[in-house]
N, C-alpha and C. Protein backbone atom coordinates (compact mmCIF):
# COMPACT_ATOMS: atom_id res chain seq x y z
N MET A 1 98.79 104.71 108.48
CA MET A 1 98.18 103.91 107.92
C MET A 1 97.36 102.73 109.09
N ASN A 2 96.38 102.34 108.50
CA ASN A 2 95.70 101.34 109.47
C ASN A 2 95.96 99.96 108.86
N GLU A 3 95.64 98.85 109.78
CA GLU A 3 96.44 97.33 109.56
C GLU A 3 96.04 96.96 108.37
N LEU A 4 94.64 96.79 108.12
CA LEU A 4 94.24 96.50 106.55
C LEU A 4 95.09 97.12 105.46
N LYS A 5 95.10 98.41 105.36
CA LYS A 5 95.85 99.03 104.16
C LYS A 5 97.26 98.66 104.44
N ASP A 6 97.88 98.29 105.55
CA ASP A 6 99.37 97.97 105.42
C ASP A 6 99.36 96.75 104.83
N ALA A 7 98.41 95.69 105.51
CA ALA A 7 98.49 94.20 105.11
C ALA A 7 98.12 94.13 103.38
N ALA A 8 97.37 95.03 102.87
CA ALA A 8 96.86 95.06 101.36
C ALA A 8 98.11 95.37 100.63
N ASN A 9 98.89 96.64 101.15
CA ASN A 9 100.07 97.00 100.51
C ASN A 9 101.31 95.89 100.53
N ASP A 10 101.44 95.32 101.76
CA ASP A 10 102.37 94.13 101.70
C ASP A 10 102.17 93.16 100.52
N ALA A 11 100.69 92.72 100.67
CA ALA A 11 100.24 91.48 99.74
C ALA A 11 100.66 91.89 98.46
N GLU A 12 100.43 93.18 98.10
CA GLU A 12 100.60 93.69 96.54
C GLU A 12 102.14 93.76 96.14
N TYR A 13 102.91 94.19 97.27
CA TYR A 13 104.40 94.19 97.06
C TYR A 13 104.91 92.96 96.82
N THR A 14 104.38 91.80 97.57
CA THR A 14 104.94 90.65 97.57
C THR A 14 104.65 90.19 96.21
N ARG A 15 103.35 90.35 95.66
CA ARG A 15 102.96 89.95 94.33
C ARG A 15 103.89 90.54 93.26
N LEU A 16 103.98 91.68 93.29
CA LEU A 16 105.15 92.50 92.30
C LEU A 16 106.41 92.10 92.41
N LEU A 17 106.87 91.80 93.49
CA LEU A 17 108.43 91.39 93.65
C LEU A 17 108.65 90.09 93.22
N VAL A 18 107.91 89.31 93.20
CA VAL A 18 108.23 87.75 92.79
C VAL A 18 108.88 87.96 91.37
N GLY A 19 110.09 87.38 91.08
CA GLY A 19 110.74 87.43 89.94
C GLY A 19 112.15 87.86 90.00
N LYS A 20 112.67 88.06 88.87
CA LYS A 20 114.13 88.38 88.86
C LYS A 20 114.37 89.63 88.81
N TRP A 21 115.44 90.31 89.68
CA TRP A 21 115.63 91.85 89.76
C TRP A 21 117.20 92.05 89.52
N ARG A 22 117.69 92.92 88.87
CA ARG A 22 119.08 93.41 88.58
C ARG A 22 119.23 94.75 89.33
N SER A 23 120.32 94.79 90.17
CA SER A 23 120.57 96.02 90.90
C SER A 23 122.17 96.37 91.09
N ASP A 24 122.21 97.49 91.11
CA ASP A 24 123.77 98.09 91.20
C ASP A 24 123.70 98.95 92.35
N GLU A 25 124.72 98.75 93.31
CA GLU A 25 124.84 99.61 94.61
C GLU A 25 126.36 100.12 94.24
N LEU A 26 126.30 101.38 94.40
CA LEU A 26 127.47 102.25 94.24
C LEU A 26 127.95 103.09 95.39
N SER A 27 129.16 103.00 95.86
CA SER A 27 129.49 103.81 97.14
C SER A 27 130.83 104.42 96.79
N GLU A 28 131.42 105.11 97.68
CA GLU A 28 132.76 105.71 97.56
C GLU A 28 133.76 104.37 97.57
N THR A 29 133.66 103.53 98.47
CA THR A 29 134.58 102.32 98.67
C THR A 29 134.08 101.18 97.88
N ALA A 30 132.87 101.04 97.39
CA ALA A 30 132.39 99.56 96.91
C ALA A 30 131.53 99.88 95.72
N GLU A 31 131.43 98.89 94.89
CA GLU A 31 130.64 98.62 93.85
C GLU A 31 130.15 97.17 93.75
N TRP A 32 128.86 97.17 93.83
CA TRP A 32 127.95 95.66 93.87
C TRP A 32 127.11 95.64 92.71
N HIS A 33 127.18 94.61 91.96
CA HIS A 33 126.31 94.19 90.74
C HIS A 33 125.68 92.97 91.28
N HIS A 34 124.39 92.88 91.09
CA HIS A 34 123.90 91.78 91.81
C HIS A 34 122.37 91.58 91.01
N VAL A 35 121.94 90.21 91.01
CA VAL A 35 120.79 89.79 90.59
C VAL A 35 120.10 89.11 91.87
N THR A 36 118.69 89.39 92.09
CA THR A 36 118.13 88.65 93.33
C THR A 36 116.93 88.13 92.67
N ILE A 37 116.60 86.86 92.92
CA ILE A 37 115.39 86.42 92.55
C ILE A 37 114.46 85.93 94.01
N PHE A 38 113.41 86.63 93.67
CA PHE A 38 112.22 86.31 94.85
C PHE A 38 111.27 85.30 94.16
N ASN A 39 111.18 84.10 94.82
CA ASN A 39 110.22 83.05 94.34
C ASN A 39 108.94 83.37 95.30
N ALA A 40 107.83 82.86 94.70
CA ALA A 40 106.43 82.98 95.33
C ALA A 40 106.44 81.97 96.48
N ASP A 41 107.24 81.09 96.64
CA ASP A 41 107.14 80.13 97.75
C ASP A 41 107.91 80.65 98.89
N GLY A 42 108.47 81.86 98.94
CA GLY A 42 109.01 82.73 100.04
C GLY A 42 110.51 82.31 100.09
N THR A 43 111.11 81.74 99.00
CA THR A 43 112.54 81.68 99.03
C THR A 43 113.11 82.72 98.06
N TRP A 44 114.56 82.88 98.37
CA TRP A 44 115.05 83.96 97.53
C TRP A 44 116.32 83.37 97.22
N LEU A 45 117.24 83.84 96.00
CA LEU A 45 118.56 83.73 96.09
C LEU A 45 119.18 85.04 95.42
N GLY A 46 120.29 85.32 95.66
CA GLY A 46 121.18 86.38 95.02
C GLY A 46 122.45 86.08 94.64
N PHE A 47 123.07 86.46 93.54
CA PHE A 47 124.21 86.46 93.15
C PHE A 47 124.97 87.51 92.44
N GLY A 48 126.20 87.36 92.33
CA GLY A 48 126.87 88.78 91.62
C GLY A 48 128.16 89.04 92.14
N ALA A 49 128.61 90.04 92.14
CA ALA A 49 129.93 90.26 92.36
C ALA A 49 130.18 91.94 92.54
N GLY A 50 131.13 91.90 93.39
CA GLY A 50 131.51 93.54 93.95
C GLY A 50 132.84 93.68 94.15
N GLU A 51 133.07 95.07 94.06
CA GLU A 51 134.56 95.45 94.12
C GLU A 51 134.60 96.29 95.48
N ASP A 52 135.33 95.70 96.59
CA ASP A 52 135.39 96.49 97.80
C ASP A 52 136.67 96.94 98.20
N HIS A 53 136.92 98.04 98.12
CA HIS A 53 138.41 98.60 98.54
C HIS A 53 139.31 97.81 97.50
N GLY A 54 138.85 97.88 96.34
CA GLY A 54 139.98 97.52 95.13
C GLY A 54 139.84 95.86 95.08
N GLU A 55 139.22 95.14 96.00
CA GLU A 55 139.22 93.59 95.76
C GLU A 55 137.73 93.11 95.24
N SER A 56 138.05 92.37 94.46
CA SER A 56 136.75 91.74 93.75
C SER A 56 136.35 90.46 94.60
N GLU A 57 134.98 90.47 94.68
CA GLU A 57 134.28 89.44 95.52
C GLU A 57 133.08 88.96 94.83
N PRO A 58 133.05 87.90 94.43
CA PRO A 58 131.75 87.15 93.97
C PRO A 58 131.10 86.70 95.04
N PHE A 59 129.62 86.45 94.82
CA PHE A 59 128.92 85.99 96.10
C PHE A 59 127.51 85.40 95.55
N PHE A 60 127.19 84.44 96.29
CA PHE A 60 125.87 83.76 96.20
C PHE A 60 125.24 83.51 97.53
N SER A 61 124.06 83.94 97.66
CA SER A 61 123.45 83.89 98.91
C SER A 61 122.05 83.25 98.70
N SER A 62 121.23 82.71 99.58
CA SER A 62 119.92 82.31 99.50
C SER A 62 119.40 82.14 100.77
N GLY A 63 118.12 81.87 100.94
CA GLY A 63 117.26 82.04 102.17
C GLY A 63 115.77 82.42 101.94
N THR A 64 115.02 82.77 102.94
CA THR A 64 113.72 82.98 102.86
C THR A 64 113.32 84.67 102.71
N TRP A 65 112.26 84.97 102.38
CA TRP A 65 111.91 86.28 102.33
C TRP A 65 110.39 86.45 102.54
N PHE A 66 110.03 87.56 103.11
CA PHE A 66 108.50 87.93 103.23
C PHE A 66 108.53 89.66 103.30
N VAL A 67 107.36 90.11 103.03
CA VAL A 67 107.21 91.77 103.11
C VAL A 67 106.39 91.85 104.30
N GLN A 68 106.72 92.88 105.20
CA GLN A 68 105.85 93.38 106.12
C GLN A 68 106.25 94.80 106.59
N ASP A 69 105.13 95.58 106.67
CA ASP A 69 105.26 97.10 106.93
C ASP A 69 106.03 97.64 105.64
N SER A 70 105.73 97.20 104.54
CA SER A 70 106.39 97.88 103.33
C SER A 70 107.93 97.56 103.39
N ARG A 71 108.56 96.63 104.21
CA ARG A 71 109.92 96.37 104.27
C ARG A 71 110.05 94.76 103.75
N VAL A 72 110.97 94.69 102.80
CA VAL A 72 111.48 93.21 102.56
C VAL A 72 112.24 92.69 103.45
N HIS A 73 111.88 91.67 103.86
CA HIS A 73 112.78 91.04 105.13
C HIS A 73 113.46 89.58 104.24
N THR A 74 114.66 89.40 104.49
CA THR A 74 115.30 88.43 104.02
C THR A 74 116.06 87.66 104.99
N GLU A 75 116.06 86.62 105.17
CA GLU A 75 117.07 85.82 106.26
C GLU A 75 117.83 85.09 105.39
N VAL A 76 119.19 85.06 105.66
CA VAL A 76 120.16 84.48 104.76
C VAL A 76 120.43 83.14 105.52
N GLU A 77 120.00 82.14 104.87
CA GLU A 77 120.60 80.67 105.21
C GLU A 77 121.73 80.18 104.64
N LYS A 78 122.23 80.49 103.44
CA LYS A 78 123.38 80.26 102.94
C LYS A 78 124.15 81.14 102.23
N SER A 79 125.36 81.36 102.26
CA SER A 79 126.06 82.24 101.67
C SER A 79 127.77 81.81 101.71
N PRO A 80 127.95 80.64 100.93
CA PRO A 80 129.12 80.17 101.07
C PRO A 80 130.48 81.09 100.89
N MET A 81 130.29 82.11 100.01
CA MET A 81 131.45 83.34 99.76
C MET A 81 131.34 84.15 100.55
N LEU A 82 130.23 84.42 101.35
CA LEU A 82 130.34 85.64 102.48
C LEU A 82 129.78 84.88 103.52
N PRO A 83 130.55 83.89 104.26
CA PRO A 83 129.77 83.24 105.41
C PRO A 83 129.39 84.24 106.57
N THR A 84 129.79 85.10 106.57
CA THR A 84 129.33 86.19 107.87
C THR A 84 128.10 86.56 107.44
N LEU A 85 127.24 86.35 106.44
CA LEU A 85 126.00 86.78 106.11
C LEU A 85 125.07 85.78 106.68
N GLU A 86 125.63 84.45 106.81
CA GLU A 86 124.57 83.33 107.09
C GLU A 86 123.88 83.71 108.36
N GLY A 87 122.81 83.29 108.66
CA GLY A 87 121.89 83.67 109.93
C GLY A 87 121.40 85.11 109.94
N MET A 88 121.86 85.93 109.31
CA MET A 88 121.42 87.31 109.44
C MET A 88 120.02 87.50 108.83
N ASP A 89 119.11 88.41 109.61
CA ASP A 89 117.93 88.80 109.07
C ASP A 89 118.31 90.15 108.48
N LEU A 90 117.87 90.58 107.44
CA LEU A 90 118.24 91.82 106.79
C LEU A 90 116.79 92.31 106.38
N SER A 91 116.46 93.79 106.33
CA SER A 91 115.24 94.41 105.79
C SER A 91 115.60 95.40 105.02
N TYR A 92 114.81 95.82 104.27
CA TYR A 92 115.03 96.80 103.07
C TYR A 92 113.63 97.57 103.13
N LEU A 93 113.53 98.83 103.25
CA LEU A 93 112.32 99.69 102.88
C LEU A 93 112.07 99.61 101.56
N THR A 94 110.87 99.45 101.31
CA THR A 94 110.29 99.64 99.75
C THR A 94 109.72 100.96 99.74
N LEU A 95 110.22 101.69 98.73
CA LEU A 95 109.63 103.05 98.51
C LEU A 95 108.38 102.90 97.38
N SER A 96 108.79 102.15 96.45
CA SER A 96 108.00 101.93 95.28
C SER A 96 108.11 100.62 94.62
N VAL A 97 107.32 99.91 94.13
CA VAL A 97 107.40 98.75 93.33
C VAL A 97 106.40 98.81 92.13
N SER A 98 106.90 98.30 90.87
CA SER A 98 105.90 98.40 89.85
C SER A 98 106.32 96.94 89.25
N ALA A 99 105.70 96.65 88.14
CA ALA A 99 105.96 95.45 87.31
C ALA A 99 107.35 95.46 86.85
N LYS A 100 108.02 96.70 86.69
CA LYS A 100 109.49 96.82 85.99
C LYS A 100 110.40 97.52 86.71
N GLU A 101 110.09 97.94 87.94
CA GLU A 101 110.97 98.80 88.70
C GLU A 101 110.66 98.75 90.37
N TRP A 102 111.75 98.40 91.04
CA TRP A 102 111.44 98.32 92.65
C TRP A 102 112.71 99.48 93.13
N VAL A 103 112.06 100.25 93.85
CA VAL A 103 112.92 101.36 94.40
C VAL A 103 113.04 101.28 95.97
N TRP A 104 114.15 100.83 96.54
CA TRP A 104 114.33 100.53 98.01
C TRP A 104 115.61 101.47 98.70
N LYS A 105 115.60 101.16 100.03
CA LYS A 105 116.61 101.60 100.78
C LYS A 105 117.55 100.45 101.09
N ASN A 106 118.96 100.45 100.96
CA ASN A 106 119.58 99.39 101.53
C ASN A 106 120.10 99.84 102.90
N SER A 107 120.75 98.93 103.59
CA SER A 107 121.02 98.88 105.12
C SER A 107 121.93 100.27 105.39
N ALA A 108 122.79 100.80 104.32
CA ALA A 108 123.16 102.05 104.53
C ALA A 108 122.42 103.37 104.36
N GLY A 109 121.18 103.22 103.94
CA GLY A 109 120.34 103.97 103.83
C GLY A 109 120.14 104.74 102.36
N GLN A 110 120.95 104.09 101.57
CA GLN A 110 121.42 104.53 100.09
C GLN A 110 119.90 104.05 99.30
N THR A 111 119.53 104.92 98.57
CA THR A 111 118.40 104.54 97.54
C THR A 111 118.82 103.82 96.32
N ILE A 112 118.52 102.56 96.23
CA ILE A 112 118.68 101.79 94.98
C ILE A 112 117.49 101.48 94.31
N THR A 113 117.78 101.63 92.98
CA THR A 113 116.58 101.26 91.69
C THR A 113 116.95 99.85 91.14
N SER A 114 116.05 98.96 91.46
CA SER A 114 116.32 97.61 90.94
C SER A 114 115.36 97.38 89.63
N ARG A 115 115.75 96.86 88.55
CA ARG A 115 114.87 96.59 87.30
C ARG A 115 114.66 95.09 87.06
N ARG A 116 113.41 94.96 86.92
CA ARG A 116 113.06 93.50 86.71
C ARG A 116 113.80 92.93 85.38
N VAL A 117 114.45 91.86 85.43
CA VAL A 117 115.29 91.18 84.61
C VAL A 117 114.07 90.49 83.39
N ASP A 118 113.12 89.93 84.04
CA ASP A 118 112.27 89.02 83.40
C ASP A 118 110.86 89.88 83.01
N ALA A 119 110.97 91.20 82.76
CA ALA A 119 109.72 91.99 82.63
C ALA A 119 109.07 91.64 81.24
N PRO A 120 107.62 91.63 81.35
CA PRO A 120 107.08 91.51 80.02
C PRO A 120 107.23 92.64 79.06
């Protein structure tokens, strides 16, 4: 792709991602259910709970976000329940995004489908 097309895609992804999304990440050892809110001002917050190796773990994280090269980049500024995340820069490849659904790959390479909570 050329740089202009990449920038146009990133702008469209950014526009579409602003809002509240619900996701479920399931693996052999863990189950995470969370809501992520992407704000138009470049801030985000996420909250939910997971069960990892039989232990329940609630969490709340927040920080900043942007889209570049079809990847959603999040910087974790605060994560009081999972402090090891603080200061981390995480990125997720966007496979597709629409007004109601966002399909992306998590850091383990698992494909996740998130659904907009505030869909029209």
